[in-house]
């Protein structure tokens, strides 16, 4: 008798019945066809951000988005891309379990430039090569993790959740409302008017009026 069979034979009958009747553990991966569908729809697109994205100092410290909200890397991480920026989704990957990873660059041109020429070649004479490589990557890219609750046995629910999370990060099928643009101006009162105009598309006189309102007591929260 094998060791496995011997160990099972020694178990009480009630425990064996419970083991047989207990439900199988839920599969916690990203359904293969769902992943292919998402890649086909969104990989390689330039999309406008709804939220700020911070620089991800390490692969284990990305921007994390779930149905519970948006989590950021360390508080010391600088904001790399600001809400309303248009960025380039260069790559979409599976990250283990029900996690989808996005590699986001400022633009496709920036992604191509960093990959092709800006990153120095490895050299035995450059002991800081790894650190230099990370520095170049941080200049124009960051990572986003989508954490899903739906398991891969419910592909439609998983696909719907991924798109809902993407829509929390980007304007997928809509544009910012006037109210969102005005809120943006009030929250970035330190920016030059030219930069606010470029980000929002609002007229200069409207921006000046919003900045004046924001300077009043309680104005930023309006």
C-alpha atoms as a PDB file:
ATOM      1  CA  UNK A   1       0.000   0.000   0.000  1.00  0.00           C
ATOM      2  CA  UNK A   2       1.386   3.414  -0.903  1.00  0.00           C
ATOM      3  CA  UNK A   3       2.019   6.020   1.761  1.00  0.00           C
ATOM      4  CA  UNK A   4      -0.780   8.163   0.298  1.00  0.00           C
ATOM      5  CA  UNK A   5      -3.290   5.324   0.455  1.00  0.00           C
ATOM      6  CA  UNK A   6      -2.145   4.382   3.945  1.00  0.00           C
ATOM      7  CA  UNK A   7      -2.599   7.935   5.200  1.00  0.00           C
ATOM      8  CA  UNK A   8      -6.094   8.158   3.706  1.00  0.00           C
ATOM      9  CA  UNK A   9      -7.061   4.792   5.144  1.00  0.00           C
ATOM     10  CA  UNK A  10      -6.180   6.035   8.599  1.00  0.00           C
ATOM     11  CA  UNK A  11      -8.559   8.998   8.422  1.00  0.00           C
ATOM     12  CA  UNK A  12     -11.987   8.855  10.108  1.00  0.00           C
ATOM     13  CA  UNK A  13     -14.869   8.109   7.741  1.00  0.00           C
ATOM     14  CA  UNK A  14     -16.595  11.411   8.599  1.00  0.00           C
ATOM     15  CA  UNK A  15     -13.511  13.407   7.568  1.00  0.00           C
ATOM     16  CA  UNK A  16     -13.210  11.517   4.289  1.00  0.00           C
ATOM     17  CA  UNK A  17     -16.855  12.297   3.488  1.00  0.00           C
ATOM     18  CA  UNK A  18     -16.303  15.987   4.281  1.00  0.00           C
ATOM     19  CA  UNK A  19     -13.252  16.089   2.003  1.00  0.00           C
ATOM     20  CA  UNK A  20     -15.205  14.544  -0.850  1.00  0.00           C
ATOM     21  CA  UNK A  21     -18.173  16.870  -0.442  1.00  0.00           C
ATOM     22  CA  UNK A  22     -16.230  20.128   0.059  1.00  0.00           C
ATOM     23  CA  UNK A  23     -16.323  22.440  -2.988  1.00  0.00           C
ATOM     24  CA  UNK A  24     -13.265  22.717  -5.206  1.00  0.00           C
ATOM     25  CA  UNK A  25     -11.229  25.886  -4.659  1.00  0.00           C
ATOM     26  CA  UNK A  26     -12.113  28.735  -7.022  1.00  0.00           C
ATOM     27  CA  UNK A  27      -9.764  29.226  -9.945  1.00  0.00           C
ATOM     28  CA  UNK A  28      -7.944  32.502  -9.420  1.00  0.00           C
ATOM     29  CA  UNK A  29      -6.423  33.186 -12.816  1.00  0.00           C
ATOM     30  CA  UNK A  30      -7.291  35.462 -15.701  1.00  0.00           C
ATOM     31  CA  UNK A  31      -9.316  33.569 -18.291  1.00  0.00           C
ATOM     32  CA  UNK A  32      -7.191  33.076 -21.386  1.00  0.00           C
ATOM     33  CA  UNK A  33      -9.703  34.320 -23.956  1.00  0.00           C
ATOM     34  CA  UNK A  34     -10.559  37.283 -21.732  1.00  0.00           C
ATOM     35  CA  UNK A  35      -6.890  38.248 -21.559  1.00  0.00           C
ATOM     36  CA  UNK A  36      -6.507  37.963 -25.337  1.00  0.00           C
ATOM     37  CA  UNK A  37      -9.656  40.058 -25.823  1.00  0.00           C
ATOM     38  CA  UNK A  38      -8.398  42.823 -23.512  1.00  0.00           C
ATOM     39  CA  UNK A  39      -5.004  42.884 -25.200  1.00  0.00           C
ATOM     40  CA  UNK A  40      -6.617  43.099 -28.597  1.00  0.00           C
ATOM     41  CA  UNK A  41      -8.838  45.998 -27.537  1.00  0.00           C
ATOM     42  CA  UNK A  42      -6.494  48.187 -25.516  1.00  0.00           C
ATOM     43  CA  UNK A  43      -2.837  47.302 -25.985  1.00  0.00           C
ATOM     44  CA  UNK A  44      -1.066  49.889 -28.109  1.00  0.00           C
ATOM     45  CA  UNK A  45      -3.679  52.629 -27.591  1.00  0.00           C
ATOM     46  CA  UNK A  46      -3.192  56.221 -26.466  1.00  0.00           C
ATOM     47  CA  UNK A  47      -5.775  57.000 -23.766  1.00  0.00           C
ATOM     48  CA  UNK A  48      -6.607  60.008 -21.591  1.00  0.00           C
ATOM     49  CA  UNK A  49      -6.155  59.573 -17.847  1.00  0.00           C
ATOM     50  CA  UNK A  50      -8.906  60.089 -15.270  1.00  0.00           C
ATOM     51  CA  UNK A  51      -6.453  59.839 -12.360  1.00  0.00           C
ATOM     52  CA  UNK A  52      -2.869  60.729 -11.536  1.00  0.00           C
ATOM     53  CA  UNK A  53      -0.294  57.950 -11.892  1.00  0.00           C
ATOM     54  CA  UNK A  54       2.835  57.899  -9.777  1.00  0.00           C
ATOM     55  CA  UNK A  55       6.262  56.626 -10.721  1.00  0.00           C
ATOM     56  CA  UNK A  56       6.609  52.957  -9.763  1.00  0.00           C
ATOM     57  CA  UNK A  57       9.998  52.693  -8.097  1.00  0.00           C
ATOM     58  CA  UNK A  58       9.976  48.900  -8.251  1.00  0.00           C
ATOM     59  CA  UNK A  59       8.011  46.236 -10.087  1.00  0.00           C
ATOM     60  CA  UNK A  60       6.531  45.280  -6.714  1.00  0.00           C
ATOM     61  CA  UNK A  61       5.380  48.843  -6.008  1.00  0.00           C
ATOM     62  CA  UNK A  62       2.975  49.810  -8.825  1.00  0.00           C
ATOM     63  CA  UNK A  63      -0.194  51.866  -8.981  1.00  0.00           C
ATOM     64  CA  UNK A  64      -2.961  49.408  -7.991  1.00  0.00           C
ATOM     65  CA  UNK A  65      -6.585  49.703  -9.112  1.00  0.00           C
ATOM     66  CA  UNK A  66      -9.471  47.574  -7.816  1.00  0.00           C
ATOM     67  CA  UNK A  67     -13.193  47.948  -7.277  1.00  0.00           C
ATOM     68  CA  UNK A  68     -12.266  49.311  -3.836  1.00  0.00           C
ATOM     69  CA  UNK A  69     -10.367  52.263  -5.295  1.00  0.00           C
ATOM     70  CA  UNK A  70      -6.934  53.366  -6.469  1.00  0.00           C
ATOM     71  CA  UNK A  71      -3.788  52.704  -4.440  1.00  0.00           C
ATOM     72  CA  UNK A  72      -0.456  54.356  -5.085  1.00  0.00           C
ATOM     73  CA  UNK A  73       3.207  53.473  -4.538  1.00  0.00           C
ATOM     74  CA  UNK A  74       5.150  55.077  -1.717  1.00  0.00           C
ATOM     75  CA  UNK A  75       4.065  58.557  -0.684  1.00  0.00           C
ATOM     76  CA  UNK A  76       7.527  59.699  -1.739  1.00  0.00           C
ATOM     77  CA  UNK A  77       6.918  58.584  -5.327  1.00  0.00           C
ATOM     78  CA  UNK A  78       6.411  61.589  -7.607  1.00  0.00           C
ATOM     79  CA  UNK A  79       3.376  61.977  -9.840  1.00  0.00           C
ATOM     80  CA  UNK A  80       4.617  60.996 -13.284  1.00  0.00           C
ATOM     81  CA  UNK A  81       1.413  61.422 -15.298  1.00  0.00           C
ATOM     82  CA  UNK A  82      -1.392  63.787 -14.314  1.00  0.00           C
ATOM     83  CA  UNK A  83      -5.121  63.276 -14.802  1.00  0.00           C
ATOM     84  CA  UNK A  84      -6.139  64.536 -18.281  1.00  0.00           C
ATOM     85  CA  UNK A  85      -2.736  63.575 -19.734  1.00  0.00           C
ATOM     86  CA  UNK A  86      -2.882  61.302 -22.762  1.00  0.00           C
ATOM     87  CA  UNK A  87      -0.599  58.302 -22.288  1.00  0.00           C
ATOM     88  CA  UNK A  88       0.352  55.217 -24.279  1.00  0.00           C
ATOM     89  CA  UNK A  89      -0.555  51.707 -23.082  1.00  0.00           C
ATOM     90  CA  UNK A  90       2.476  49.892 -24.405  1.00  0.00           C
ATOM     91  CA  UNK A  91       1.895  46.440 -22.920  1.00  0.00           C
ATOM     92  CA  UNK A  92      -0.760  44.407 -21.089  1.00  0.00           C
ATOM     93  CA  UNK A  93       0.337  41.301 -19.184  1.00  0.00           C
ATOM     94  CA  UNK A  94      -0.970  38.744 -16.688  1.00  0.00           C
ATOM     95  CA  UNK A  95       0.767  39.108 -13.332  1.00  0.00           C
ATOM     96  CA  UNK A  96      -0.298  35.931 -11.548  1.00  0.00           C
ATOM     97  CA  UNK A  97      -3.613  35.244  -9.840  1.00  0.00           C
ATOM     98  CA  UNK A  98      -6.335  37.604 -10.998  1.00  0.00           C
ATOM     99  CA  UNK A  99      -4.004  40.499 -11.736  1.00  0.00           C
ATOM    100  CA  UNK A 100      -3.556  42.368 -15.012  1.00  0.00           C
ATOM    101  CA  UNK A 101      -0.492  44.562 -15.502  1.00  0.00           C
ATOM    102  CA  UNK A 102      -0.258  47.667 -17.697  1.00  0.00           C
ATOM    103  CA  UNK A 103       2.983  49.308 -18.783  1.00  0.00           C
ATOM    104  CA  UNK A 104       2.209  52.969 -19.462  1.00  0.00           C
ATOM    105  CA  UNK A 105       4.454  55.435 -21.294  1.00  0.00           C
ATOM    106  CA  UNK A 106       4.059  59.139 -21.959  1.00  0.00           C
ATOM    107  CA  UNK A 107       3.728  58.382 -25.673  1.00  0.00           C
ATOM    108  CA  UNK A 108       4.494  55.695 -28.230  1.00  0.00           C
ATOM    109  CA  UNK A 109       7.451  57.746 -29.402  1.00  0.00           C
ATOM    110  CA  UNK A 110       8.774  57.878 -25.836  1.00  0.00           C
ATOM    111  CA  UNK A 111       8.380  54.113 -25.484  1.00  0.00           C
ATOM    112  CA  UNK A 112      10.250  53.495 -28.729  1.00  0.00           C
ATOM    113  CA  UNK A 113      12.959  55.984 -27.830  1.00  0.00           C
ATOM    114  CA  UNK A 114      13.574  54.542 -24.374  1.00  0.00           C
ATOM    115  CA  UNK A 115      13.714  50.991 -25.676  1.00  0.00           C
ATOM    116  CA  UNK A 116      15.883  51.768 -28.682  1.00  0.00           C
ATOM    117  CA  UNK A 117      18.384  54.439 -27.767  1.00  0.00           C
ATOM    118  CA  UNK A 118      17.990  56.162 -24.430  1.00  0.00           C
ATOM    119  CA  UNK A 119      18.855  53.119 -22.312  1.00  0.00           C
ATOM    120  CA  UNK A 120      22.640  52.602 -22.180  1.00  0.00           C
ATOM    121  CA  UNK A 121      24.113  49.292 -23.221  1.00  0.00           C
ATOM    122  CA  UNK A 122      25.308  46.973 -20.426  1.00  0.00           C
ATOM    123  CA  UNK A 123      29.004  47.162 -19.750  1.00  0.00           C
ATOM    124  CA  UNK A 124      31.446  45.531 -17.370  1.00  0.00           C
ATOM    125  CA  UNK A 125      32.865  49.024 -16.874  1.00  0.00           C
ATOM    126  CA  UNK A 126      29.506  50.321 -15.636  1.00  0.00           C
ATOM    127  CA  UNK A 127      28.795  48.710 -12.238  1.00  0.00           C
ATOM    128  CA  UNK A 128      25.730  50.948 -11.826  1.00  0.00           C
ATOM    129  CA  UNK A 129      24.095  49.692 -15.025  1.00  0.00           C
ATOM    130  CA  UNK A 130      21.036  48.252 -13.250  1.00  0.00           C
ATOM    131  CA  UNK A 131      20.425  51.482 -11.368  1.00  0.00           C
ATOM    132  CA  UNK A 132      20.919  53.534 -14.535  1.00  0.00           C
ATOM    133  CA  UNK A 133      18.455  51.322 -16.400  1.00  0.00           C
ATOM    134  CA  UNK A 134      15.829  51.856 -13.716  1.00  0.00           C
ATOM    135  CA  UNK A 135      16.414  55.608 -13.794  1.00  0.00           C
ATOM    136  CA  UNK A 136      15.825  55.776 -17.538  1.00  0.00           C
ATOM    137  CA  UNK A 137      12.647  53.687 -17.248  1.00  0.00           C
ATOM    138  CA  UNK A 138      11.263  55.932 -14.508  1.00  0.00           C
ATOM    139  CA  UNK A 139      11.651  59.015 -16.670  1.00  0.00           C
ATOM    140  CA  UNK A 140       8.812  58.124 -18.986  1.00  0.00           C
ATOM    141  CA  UNK A 141       6.924  55.042 -17.837  1.00  0.00           C
ATOM    142  CA  UNK A 142       5.096  53.504 -14.915  1.00  0.00           C
ATOM    143  CA  UNK A 143       3.113  50.379 -14.148  1.00  0.00           C
ATOM    144  CA  UNK A 144      -0.513  49.813 -13.169  1.00  0.00           C
ATOM    145  CA  UNK A 145      -1.973  46.635 -11.680  1.00  0.00           C
ATOM    146  CA  UNK A 146      -5.665  45.804 -12.025  1.00  0.00           C
ATOM    147  CA  UNK A 147      -6.726  43.531  -9.159  1.00  0.00           C
ATOM    148  CA  UNK A 148      -9.824  41.524 -10.070  1.00  0.00           C
ATOM    149  CA  UNK A 149     -12.400  39.960  -7.789  1.00  0.00           C
ATOM    150  CA  UNK A 150     -14.063  37.805 -10.478  1.00  0.00           C
ATOM    151  CA  UNK A 151     -12.524  34.375 -11.051  1.00  0.00           C
ATOM    152  CA  UNK A 152     -11.809  32.846 -14.430  1.00  0.00           C
ATOM    153  CA  UNK A 153     -14.821  30.500 -14.309  1.00  0.00           C
ATOM    154  CA  UNK A 154     -17.000  33.534 -15.065  1.00  0.00           C
ATOM    155  CA  UNK A 155     -15.371  35.010 -18.155  1.00  0.00           C
ATOM    156  CA  UNK A 156     -18.097  37.621 -18.887  1.00  0.00           C
ATOM    157  CA  UNK A 157     -17.914  38.958 -15.319  1.00  0.00           C
ATOM    158  CA  UNK A 158     -14.133  39.057 -15.469  1.00  0.00           C
ATOM    159  CA  UNK A 159     -14.147  40.919 -18.782  1.00  0.00           C
ATOM    160  CA  UNK A 160     -16.714  43.428 -17.480  1.00  0.00           C
ATOM    161  CA  UNK A 161     -14.648  44.004 -14.326  1.00  0.00           C
ATOM    162  CA  UNK A 162     -11.430  44.595 -16.277  1.00  0.00           C
ATOM    163  CA  UNK A 163     -13.168  47.173 -18.453  1.00  0.00           C
ATOM    164  CA  UNK A 164     -14.707  48.822 -15.377  1.00  0.00           C
ATOM    165  CA  UNK A 165     -11.253  49.107 -13.794  1.00  0.00           C
ATOM    166  CA  UNK A 166      -9.725  50.431 -17.001  1.00  0.00           C
ATOM    167  CA  UNK A 167     -12.478  53.049 -17.077  1.00  0.00           C
ATOM    168  CA  UNK A 168     -11.446  54.116 -13.567  1.00  0.00           C
ATOM    169  CA  UNK A 169      -7.972  54.862 -14.900  1.00  0.00           C
ATOM    170  CA  UNK A 170      -8.771  56.149 -18.404  1.00  0.00           C
ATOM    171  CA  UNK A 171     -11.584  57.858 -20.268  1.00  0.00           C
ATOM    172  CA  UNK A 172     -12.399  54.822 -22.402  1.00  0.00           C
ATOM    173  CA  UNK A 173     -15.633  55.862 -24.091  1.00  0.00           C
ATOM    174  CA  UNK A 174     -16.201  59.411 -22.901  1.00  0.00           C
ATOM    175  CA  UNK A 175     -14.524  62.764 -22.473  1.00  0.00           C
ATOM    176  CA  UNK A 176     -14.088  64.817 -19.279  1.00  0.00           C
ATOM    177  CA  UNK A 177     -17.178  66.782 -18.338  1.00  0.00           C
ATOM    178  CA  UNK A 178     -17.093  70.530 -17.876  1.00  0.00           C
ATOM    179  CA  UNK A 179     -17.398  70.008 -14.126  1.00  0.00           C
ATOM    180  CA  UNK A 180     -14.382  67.675 -14.102  1.00  0.00           C
ATOM    181  CA  UNK A 181     -12.322  70.217 -16.051  1.00  0.00           C
ATOM    182  CA  UNK A 182     -13.252  72.983 -13.630  1.00  0.00           C
ATOM    183  CA  UNK A 183     -12.384  70.806 -10.617  1.00  0.00           C
ATOM    184  CA  UNK A 184      -9.031  70.061 -12.239  1.00  0.00           C
ATOM    185  CA  UNK A 185      -8.241  73.773 -12.584  1.00  0.00           C
ATOM    186  CA  UNK A 186      -9.172  74.456  -8.949  1.00  0.00           C
ATOM    187  CA  UNK A 187      -6.892  71.652  -7.792  1.00  0.00           C
ATOM    188  CA  UNK A 188      -3.906  72.837  -9.821  1.00  0.00           C
ATOM    189  CA  UNK A 189      -3.800  76.508  -8.940  1.00  0.00           C
ATOM    190  CA  UNK A 190       0.009  76.470  -8.960  1.00  0.00           C
ATOM    191  CA  UNK A 191       0.138  75.668 -12.675  1.00  0.00           C
ATOM    192  CA  UNK A 192       0.664  78.403 -15.274  1.00  0.00           C
ATOM    193  CA  UNK A 193      -2.466  79.370 -17.190  1.00  0.00           C
ATOM    194  CA  UNK A 194      -0.870  78.152 -20.427  1.00  0.00           C
ATOM    195  CA  UNK A 195      -0.443  74.663 -18.963  1.00  0.00           C
ATOM    196  CA  UNK A 196      -3.988  74.605 -17.598  1.00  0.00           C
ATOM    197  CA  UNK A 197      -5.318  75.688 -20.965  1.00  0.00           C
ATOM    198  CA  UNK A 198      -3.362  72.920 -22.719  1.00  0.00           C
ATOM    199  CA  UNK A 199      -4.591  70.282 -20.252  1.00  0.00           C
ATOM    200  CA  UNK A 200      -8.263  71.278 -20.148  1.00  0.00           C
ATOM    201  CA  UNK A 201      -8.969  73.111 -23.389  1.00  0.00           C
ATOM    202  CA  UNK A 202     -10.817  75.781 -21.414  1.00  0.00           C
ATOM    203  CA  UNK A 203     -10.686  79.413 -22.486  1.00  0.00           C
ATOM    204  CA  UNK A 204      -8.158  81.594 -20.703  1.00  0.00           C
ATOM    205  CA  UNK A 205     -10.826  83.884 -19.250  1.00  0.00           C
ATOM    206  CA  UNK A 206     -12.670  80.871 -17.802  1.00  0.00           C
ATOM    207  CA  UNK A 207      -9.471  79.581 -16.225  1.00  0.00           C
ATOM    208  CA  UNK A 208      -8.737  82.985 -14.684  1.00  0.00           C
ATOM    209  CA  UNK A 209     -12.253  83.084 -13.219  1.00  0.00           C
ATOM    210  CA  UNK A 210     -11.850  79.597 -11.748  1.00  0.00           C
ATOM    211  CA  UNK A 211      -8.473  80.468 -10.241  1.00  0.00           C
ATOM    212  CA  UNK A 212      -9.980  83.566  -8.686  1.00  0.00           C
ATOM    213  CA  UNK A 213     -12.784  81.482  -7.160  1.00  0.00           C
ATOM    214  CA  UNK A 214     -10.285  78.949  -5.866  1.00  0.00           C
ATOM    215  CA  UNK A 215      -8.313  81.704  -4.138  1.00  0.00           C
ATOM    216  CA  UNK A 216     -11.371  82.600  -2.073  1.00  0.00           C
ATOM    217  CA  UNK A 217     -11.899  80.862   1.308  1.00  0.00           C
ATOM    218  CA  UNK A 218     -13.174  77.344   0.649  1.00  0.00           C
ATOM    219  CA  UNK A 219     -12.901  77.842  -3.089  1.00  0.00           C
ATOM    220  CA  UNK A 220     -10.768  74.783  -3.898  1.00  0.00           C
ATOM    221  CA  UNK A 221     -13.445  72.380  -2.636  1.00  0.00           C
ATOM    222  CA  UNK A 222     -16.191  73.783  -4.825  1.00  0.00           C
END
